[in-house]
């Protein structure tokens, strides 16, 4: 099984539950962060925002270096 990269840096041995979509490192539940991207359908000017966003998993480092406000 893949181990959580961030836990290994802390000296822990934890199995990963997810993979960061940007850097690809394995993450446990405590170190993974969910980013919800809004999704729109249709052609302008008739676009509609979908009720449910698209869920993406990132590590703390990649999330802190991503412009989150651009996705709201």
PDB file of N, CA and C in Angstrom:
ATOM      1  N   UNK A   1       0.826  -1.188   0.000  1.00  0.00           N
ATOM      2  CA  UNK A   1       0.000   0.000   0.000  1.00  0.00           C
ATOM      3  C   UNK A   1       0.871   1.253   0.000  1.00  0.00           C
ATOM      4  N   UNK A   2       0.343   2.313  -0.592  1.00  0.00           N
ATOM      5  CA  UNK A   2       1.026   3.601  -0.598  1.00  0.00           C
ATOM      6  C   UNK A   2       0.884   4.241   0.780  1.00  0.00           C
ATOM      7  N   UNK A   3       1.944   4.875   1.227  1.00  0.00           N
ATOM      8  CA  UNK A   3       1.955   5.555   2.517  1.00  0.00           C
ATOM      9  C   UNK A   3       1.779   7.056   2.318  1.00  0.00           C
ATOM     10  N   UNK A   4       1.257   7.724   3.343  1.00  0.00           N
ATOM     11  CA  UNK A   4       1.080   9.171   3.306  1.00  0.00           C
ATOM     12  C   UNK A   4       2.454   9.838   3.367  1.00  0.00           C
ATOM     13  N   UNK A   5       2.739  10.660   2.382  1.00  0.00           N
ATOM     14  CA  UNK A   5       4.026  11.342   2.290  1.00  0.00           C
ATOM     15  C   UNK A   5       4.236  12.311   3.448  1.00  0.00           C
ATOM     16  N   UNK A   6       3.208  13.080   3.777  1.00  0.00           N
ATOM     17  CA  UNK A   6       3.329  14.059   4.863  1.00  0.00           C
ATOM     18  C   UNK A   6       3.524  13.377   6.215  1.00  0.00           C
ATOM     19  N   UNK A   7       2.866  12.241   6.436  1.00  0.00           N
ATOM     20  CA  UNK A   7       3.051  11.494   7.688  1.00  0.00           C
ATOM     21  C   UNK A   7       4.473  10.949   7.771  1.00  0.00           C
ATOM     22  N   UNK A   8       5.011  10.475   6.657  1.00  0.00           N
ATOM     23  CA  UNK A   8       6.379   9.957   6.656  1.00  0.00           C
ATOM     24  C   UNK A   8       7.367  11.042   7.051  1.00  0.00           C
ATOM     25  N   UNK A   9       7.130  12.292   6.618  1.00  0.00           N
ATOM     26  CA  UNK A   9       8.005  13.401   7.017  1.00  0.00           C
ATOM     27  C   UNK A   9       7.915  13.687   8.508  1.00  0.00           C
ATOM     28  N   UNK A  10       6.776  13.324   9.129  1.00  0.00           N
ATOM     29  CA  UNK A  10       6.576  13.518  10.567  1.00  0.00           C
ATOM     30  C   UNK A  10       7.011  12.292  11.371  1.00  0.00           C
ATOM     31  N   UNK A  11       7.506  11.262  10.689  1.00  0.00           N
ATOM     32  CA  UNK A  11       7.946  10.045  11.370  1.00  0.00           C
ATOM     33  C   UNK A  11       6.835   9.061  11.663  1.00  0.00           C
ATOM     34  N   UNK A  12       5.680   9.222  11.009  1.00  0.00           N
ATOM     35  CA  UNK A  12       4.541   8.318  11.206  1.00  0.00           C
ATOM     36  C   UNK A  12       4.440   7.350  10.032  1.00  0.00           C
ATOM     37  N   UNK A  13       3.746   6.240  10.243  1.00  0.00           N
ATOM     38  CA  UNK A  13       3.538   5.240   9.205  1.00  0.00           C
ATOM     39  C   UNK A  13       2.035   5.077   8.989  1.00  0.00           C
ATOM     40  N   UNK A  14       1.471   5.877   8.077  1.00  0.00           N
ATOM     41  CA  UNK A  14       0.032   5.891   7.824  1.00  0.00           C
ATOM     42  C   UNK A  14      -0.240   5.585   6.356  1.00  0.00           C
ATOM     43  N   UNK A  15      -1.233   4.733   6.098  1.00  0.00           N
ATOM     44  CA  UNK A  15      -1.589   4.425   4.720  1.00  0.00           C
ATOM     45  C   UNK A  15      -2.326   5.603   4.093  1.00  0.00           C
ATOM     46  N   UNK A  16      -2.087   5.812   2.817  1.00  0.00           N
ATOM     47  CA  UNK A  16      -2.753   6.919   2.126  1.00  0.00           C
ATOM     48  C   UNK A  16      -4.179   6.533   1.750  1.00  0.00           C
ATOM     49  N   UNK A  17      -5.026   7.550   1.691  1.00  0.00           N
ATOM     50  CA  UNK A  17      -6.422   7.363   1.310  1.00  0.00           C
ATOM     51  C   UNK A  17      -6.739   8.104   0.020  1.00  0.00           C
ATOM     52  N   UNK A  18      -5.805   8.970  -0.416  1.00  0.00           N
ATOM     53  CA  UNK A  18      -6.026   9.787  -1.611  1.00  0.00           C
ATOM     54  C   UNK A  18      -4.680  10.148  -2.225  1.00  0.00           C
ATOM     55  N   UNK A  19      -4.745  10.730  -3.411  1.00  0.00           N
ATOM     56  CA  UNK A  19      -3.552  11.203  -4.115  1.00  0.00           C
ATOM     57  C   UNK A  19      -3.798  12.646  -4.532  1.00  0.00           C
ATOM     58  N   UNK A  20      -2.828  13.524  -4.300  1.00  0.00           N
ATOM     59  CA  UNK A  20      -2.938  14.923  -4.703  1.00  0.00           C
ATOM     60  C   UNK A  20      -2.977  14.992  -6.229  1.00  0.00           C
ATOM     61  N   UNK A  21      -3.949  15.725  -6.776  1.00  0.00           N
ATOM     62  CA  UNK A  21      -4.092  15.789  -8.235  1.00  0.00           C
ATOM     63  C   UNK A  21      -3.004  16.627  -8.886  1.00  0.00           C
ATOM     64  N   UNK A  22      -2.299  17.445  -8.117  1.00  0.00           N
ATOM     65  CA  UNK A  22      -1.252  18.281  -8.707  1.00  0.00           C
ATOM     66  C   UNK A  22       0.132  17.651  -8.622  1.00  0.00           C
ATOM     67  N   UNK A  23       0.556  17.242  -7.436  1.00  0.00           N
ATOM     68  CA  UNK A  23       1.920  16.720  -7.293  1.00  0.00           C
ATOM     69  C   UNK A  23       1.979  15.192  -7.279  1.00  0.00           C
ATOM     70  N   UNK A  24       0.850  14.520  -6.999  1.00  0.00           N
ATOM     71  CA  UNK A  24       0.797  13.064  -7.062  1.00  0.00           C
ATOM     72  C   UNK A  24       1.218  12.329  -5.804  1.00  0.00           C
ATOM     73  N   UNK A  25       1.492  13.040  -4.704  1.00  0.00           N
ATOM     74  CA  UNK A  25       1.895  12.316  -3.504  1.00  0.00           C
ATOM     75  C   UNK A  25       0.694  11.715  -2.794  1.00  0.00           C
ATOM     76  N   UNK A  26       0.923  10.578  -2.129  1.00  0.00           N
ATOM     77  CA  UNK A  26      -0.119   9.910  -1.368  1.00  0.00           C
ATOM     78  C   UNK A  26      -0.429  10.671  -0.095  1.00  0.00           C
ATOM     79  N   UNK A  27      -1.716  10.699   0.283  1.00  0.00           N
ATOM     80  CA  UNK A  27      -2.156  11.462   1.445  1.00  0.00           C
ATOM     81  C   UNK A  27      -3.121  10.654   2.295  1.00  0.00           C
ATOM     82  N   UNK A  28      -2.995  10.798   3.617  1.00  0.00           N
ATOM     83  CA  UNK A  28      -3.985  10.206   4.519  1.00  0.00           C
ATOM     84  C   UNK A  28      -5.176  11.163   4.611  1.00  0.00           C
ATOM     85  N   UNK A  29      -6.190  10.769   5.344  1.00  0.00           N
ATOM     86  CA  UNK A  29      -7.388  11.595   5.491  1.00  0.00           C
ATOM     87  C   UNK A  29      -7.066  12.926   6.165  1.00  0.00           C
ATOM     88  N   UNK A  30      -6.165  12.918   7.135  1.00  0.00           N
ATOM     89  CA  UNK A  30      -5.828  14.147   7.868  1.00  0.00           C
ATOM     90  C   UNK A  30      -5.051  15.150   7.022  1.00  0.00           C
ATOM     91  N   UNK A  31      -4.267  14.671   6.080  1.00  0.00           N
ATOM     92  CA  UNK A  31      -3.439  15.568   5.271  1.00  0.00           C
ATOM     93  C   UNK A  31      -4.047  15.914   3.914  1.00  0.00           C
ATOM     94  N   UNK A  32      -5.162  15.341   3.543  1.00  0.00           N
ATOM     95  CA  UNK A  32      -5.786  15.662   2.254  1.00  0.00           C
ATOM     96  C   UNK A  32      -6.814  16.775   2.439  1.00  0.00           C
ATOM     97  N   UNK A  33      -6.889  17.641   1.453  1.00  0.00           N
ATOM     98  CA  UNK A  33      -7.838  18.750   1.465  1.00  0.00           C
ATOM     99  C   UNK A  33      -8.703  18.671   0.219  1.00  0.00           C
ATOM    100  N   UNK A  34      -9.994  18.903   0.378  1.00  0.00           N
ATOM    101  CA  UNK A  34     -10.934  18.838  -0.740  1.00  0.00           C
ATOM    102  C   UNK A  34     -11.192  20.243  -1.280  1.00  0.00           C
ATOM    103  N   UNK A  35     -11.071  20.385  -2.578  1.00  0.00           N
ATOM    104  CA  UNK A  35     -11.358  21.637  -3.260  1.00  0.00           C
ATOM    105  C   UNK A  35     -12.539  21.377  -4.189  1.00  0.00           C
ATOM    106  N   UNK A  36     -13.614  22.133  -4.015  1.00  0.00           N
ATOM    107  CA  UNK A  36     -14.801  21.976  -4.854  1.00  0.00           C
ATOM    108  C   UNK A  36     -14.741  23.005  -5.979  1.00  0.00           C
ATOM    109  N   UNK A  37     -14.674  22.533  -7.211  1.00  0.00           N
ATOM    110  CA  UNK A  37     -14.658  23.411  -8.379  1.00  0.00           C
ATOM    111  C   UNK A  37     -16.080  23.538  -8.907  1.00  0.00           C
ATOM    112  N   UNK A  38     -16.499  24.752  -9.182  1.00  0.00           N
ATOM    113  CA  UNK A  38     -17.837  24.947  -9.732  1.00  0.00           C
ATOM    114  C   UNK A  38     -17.844  24.505 -11.198  1.00  0.00           C
ATOM    115  N   UNK A  39     -18.971  23.985 -11.625  1.00  0.00           N
ATOM    116  CA  UNK A  39     -19.112  23.466 -12.988  1.00  0.00           C
ATOM    117  C   UNK A  39     -20.306  24.144 -13.644  1.00  0.00           C
ATOM    118  N   UNK A  40     -20.107  24.636 -14.852  1.00  0.00           N
ATOM    119  CA  UNK A  40     -21.182  25.262 -15.625  1.00  0.00           C
ATOM    120  C   UNK A  40     -21.426  24.461 -16.893  1.00  0.00           C
ATOM    121  N   UNK A  41     -22.649  24.505 -17.366  1.00  0.00           N
ATOM    122  CA  UNK A  41     -23.007  23.790 -18.599  1.00  0.00           C
ATOM    123  C   UNK A  41     -23.737  24.743 -19.531  1.00  0.00           C
ATOM    124  N   UNK A  42     -23.596  24.533 -20.820  1.00  0.00           N
ATOM    125  CA  UNK A  42     -24.268  25.360 -21.813  1.00  0.00           C
ATOM    126  C   UNK A  42     -23.327  26.359 -22.450  1.00  0.00           C
ATOM    127  N   UNK A  43     -23.840  27.047 -23.454  1.00  0.00           N
ATOM    128  CA  UNK A  43     -23.057  28.059 -24.153  1.00  0.00           C
ATOM    129  C   UNK A  43     -23.562  29.441 -23.755  1.00  0.00           C
ATOM    130  N   UNK A  44     -22.632  30.403 -23.599  1.00  0.00           N
ATOM    131  CA  UNK A  44     -23.057  31.762 -23.253  1.00  0.00           C
ATOM    132  C   UNK A  44     -24.015  32.313 -24.294  1.00  0.00           C
ATOM    133  N   UNK A  45     -24.995  33.025 -23.946  1.00  0.00           N
ATOM    134  CA  UNK A  45     -25.320  33.530 -22.605  1.00  0.00           C
ATOM    135  C   UNK A  45     -26.243  32.604 -21.827  1.00  0.00           C
ATOM    136  N   UNK A  46     -26.407  31.385 -22.274  1.00  0.00           N
ATOM    137  CA  UNK A  46     -27.347  30.453 -21.636  1.00  0.00           C
ATOM    138  C   UNK A  46     -26.618  29.405 -20.798  1.00  0.00           C
ATOM    139  N   UNK A  47     -25.682  29.821 -19.977  1.00  0.00           N
ATOM    140  CA  UNK A  47     -24.977  28.876 -19.115  1.00  0.00           C
ATOM    141  C   UNK A  47     -25.693  28.759 -17.776  1.00  0.00           C
ATOM    142  N   UNK A  48     -25.604  27.574 -17.220  1.00  0.00           N
ATOM    143  CA  UNK A  48     -26.183  27.312 -15.902  1.00  0.00           C
ATOM    144  C   UNK A  48     -25.134  26.646 -15.042  1.00  0.00           C
ATOM    145  N   UNK A  49     -25.019  27.119 -13.804  1.00  0.00           N
ATOM    146  CA  UNK A  49     -24.095  26.510 -12.858  1.00  0.00           C
ATOM    147  C   UNK A  49     -24.746  25.264 -12.271  1.00  0.00           C
ATOM    148  N   UNK A  50     -24.011  24.177 -12.256  1.00  0.00           N
ATOM    149  CA  UNK A  50     -24.515  22.923 -11.707  1.00  0.00           C
ATOM    150  C   UNK A  50     -24.592  23.030 -10.181  1.00  0.00           C
ATOM    151  N   UNK A  51     -25.542  22.332  -9.582  1.00  0.00           N
ATOM    152  CA  UNK A  51     -25.727  22.390  -8.129  1.00  0.00           C
ATOM    153  C   UNK A  51     -24.533  21.800  -7.386  1.00  0.00           C
ATOM    154  N   UNK A  52     -24.032  20.674  -7.881  1.00  0.00           N
ATOM    155  CA  UNK A  52     -22.897  20.027  -7.228  1.00  0.00           C
ATOM    156  C   UNK A  52     -21.621  20.376  -7.975  1.00  0.00           C
ATOM    157  N   UNK A  53     -20.598  20.763  -7.225  1.00  0.00           N
ATOM    158  CA  UNK A  53     -19.310  21.068  -7.835  1.00  0.00           C
ATOM    159  C   UNK A  53     -18.513  19.797  -8.076  1.00  0.00           C
ATOM    160  N   UNK A  54     -17.362  19.953  -8.652  1.00  0.00           N
ATOM    161  CA  UNK A  54     -16.462  18.847  -8.946  1.00  0.00           C
ATOM    162  C   UNK A  54     -15.418  18.781  -7.838  1.00  0.00           C
ATOM    163  N   UNK A  55     -15.382  17.663  -7.124  1.00  0.00           N
ATOM    164  CA  UNK A  55     -14.499  17.506  -5.977  1.00  0.00           C
ATOM    165  C   UNK A  55     -13.096  17.090  -6.429  1.00  0.00           C
ATOM    166  N   UNK A  56     -12.074  17.803  -5.956  1.00  0.00           N
ATOM    167  CA  UNK A  56     -10.677  17.492  -6.244  1.00  0.00           C
ATOM    168  C   UNK A  56      -9.910  17.444  -4.933  1.00  0.00           C
ATOM    169  N   UNK A  57      -8.947  16.526  -4.816  1.00  0.00           N
ATOM    170  CA  UNK A  57      -8.155  16.367  -3.603  1.00  0.00           C
ATOM    171  C   UNK A  57      -6.756  16.938  -3.832  1.00  0.00           C
ATOM    172  N   UNK A  58      -6.303  17.759  -2.878  1.00  0.00           N
ATOM    173  CA  UNK A  58      -4.975  18.361  -2.939  1.00  0.00           C
ATOM    174  C   UNK A  58      -4.271  18.213  -1.592  1.00  0.00           C
ATOM    175  N   UNK A  59      -2.940  18.287  -1.629  1.00  0.00           N
ATOM    176  CA  UNK A  59      -2.173  18.316  -0.384  1.00  0.00           C
ATOM    177  C   UNK A  59      -2.145  19.761   0.122  1.00  0.00           C
ATOM    178  N   UNK A  60      -1.717  19.944   1.354  1.00  0.00           N
ATOM    179  CA  UNK A  60      -1.664  21.292   1.934  1.00  0.00           C
ATOM    180  C   UNK A  60      -0.763  22.222   1.129  1.00  0.00           C
ATOM    181  N   UNK A  61       0.387  21.720   0.677  1.00  0.00           N
ATOM    182  CA  UNK A  61       1.328  22.552  -0.075  1.00  0.00           C
ATOM    183  C   UNK A  61       0.707  23.033  -1.387  1.00  0.00           C
ATOM    184  N   UNK A  62       0.130  22.118  -2.159  1.00  0.00           N
ATOM    185  CA  UNK A  62      -0.450  22.501  -3.450  1.00  0.00           C
ATOM    186  C   UNK A  62      -1.663  23.410  -3.264  1.00  0.00           C
ATOM    187  N   UNK A  63      -2.473  23.148  -2.241  1.00  0.00           N
ATOM    188  CA  UNK A  63      -3.636  23.998  -1.990  1.00  0.00           C
ATOM    189  C   UNK A  63      -3.209  25.414  -1.610  1.00  0.00           C
ATOM    190  N   UNK A  64      -2.178  25.527  -0.791  1.00  0.00           N
ATOM    191  CA  UNK A  64      -1.730  26.860  -0.375  1.00  0.00           C
ATOM    192  C   UNK A  64      -1.061  27.624  -1.520  1.00  0.00           C
ATOM    193  N   UNK A  65      -0.643  26.923  -2.566  1.00  0.00           N
ATOM    194  CA  UNK A  65      -0.019  27.569  -3.722  1.00  0.00           C
ATOM    195  C   UNK A  65      -0.950  27.634  -4.930  1.00  0.00           C
ATOM    196  N   UNK A  66      -2.231  27.420  -4.702  1.00  0.00           N
ATOM    197  CA  UNK A  66      -3.248  27.498  -5.747  1.00  0.00           C
ATOM    198  C   UNK A  66      -4.140  28.692  -5.448  1.00  0.00           C
ATOM    199  N   UNK A  67      -4.531  29.421  -6.463  1.00  0.00           N
ATOM    200  CA  UNK A  67      -5.406  30.574  -6.256  1.00  0.00           C
ATOM    201  C   UNK A  67      -6.835  30.048  -6.095  1.00  0.00           C
ATOM    202  N   UNK A  68      -7.236  29.836  -4.859  1.00  0.00           N
ATOM    203  CA  UNK A  68      -8.544  29.248  -4.555  1.00  0.00           C
ATOM    204  C   UNK A  68      -9.664  30.201  -4.951  1.00  0.00           C
ATOM    205  N   UNK A  69      -9.473  31.505  -4.790  1.00  0.00           N
ATOM    206  CA  UNK A  69     -10.510  32.474  -5.108  1.00  0.00           C
ATOM    207  C   UNK A  69     -10.916  32.436  -6.574  1.00  0.00           C
ATOM    208  N   UNK A  70     -10.060  31.970  -7.444  1.00  0.00           N
ATOM    209  CA  UNK A  70     -10.375  31.913  -8.870  1.00  0.00           C
ATOM    210  C   UNK A  70     -11.436  30.864  -9.166  1.00  0.00           C
ATOM    211  N   UNK A  71     -11.656  29.922  -8.239  1.00  0.00           N
ATOM    212  CA  UNK A  71     -12.602  28.840  -8.479  1.00  0.00           C
ATOM    213  C   UNK A  71     -13.970  29.099  -7.883  1.00  0.00           C
ATOM    214  N   UNK A  72     -14.168  30.209  -7.228  1.00  0.00           N
ATOM    215  CA  UNK A  72     -15.481  30.504  -6.622  1.00  0.00           C
ATOM    216  C   UNK A  72     -16.436  31.125  -7.595  1.00  0.00           C
TER     217      UNK A  72
END
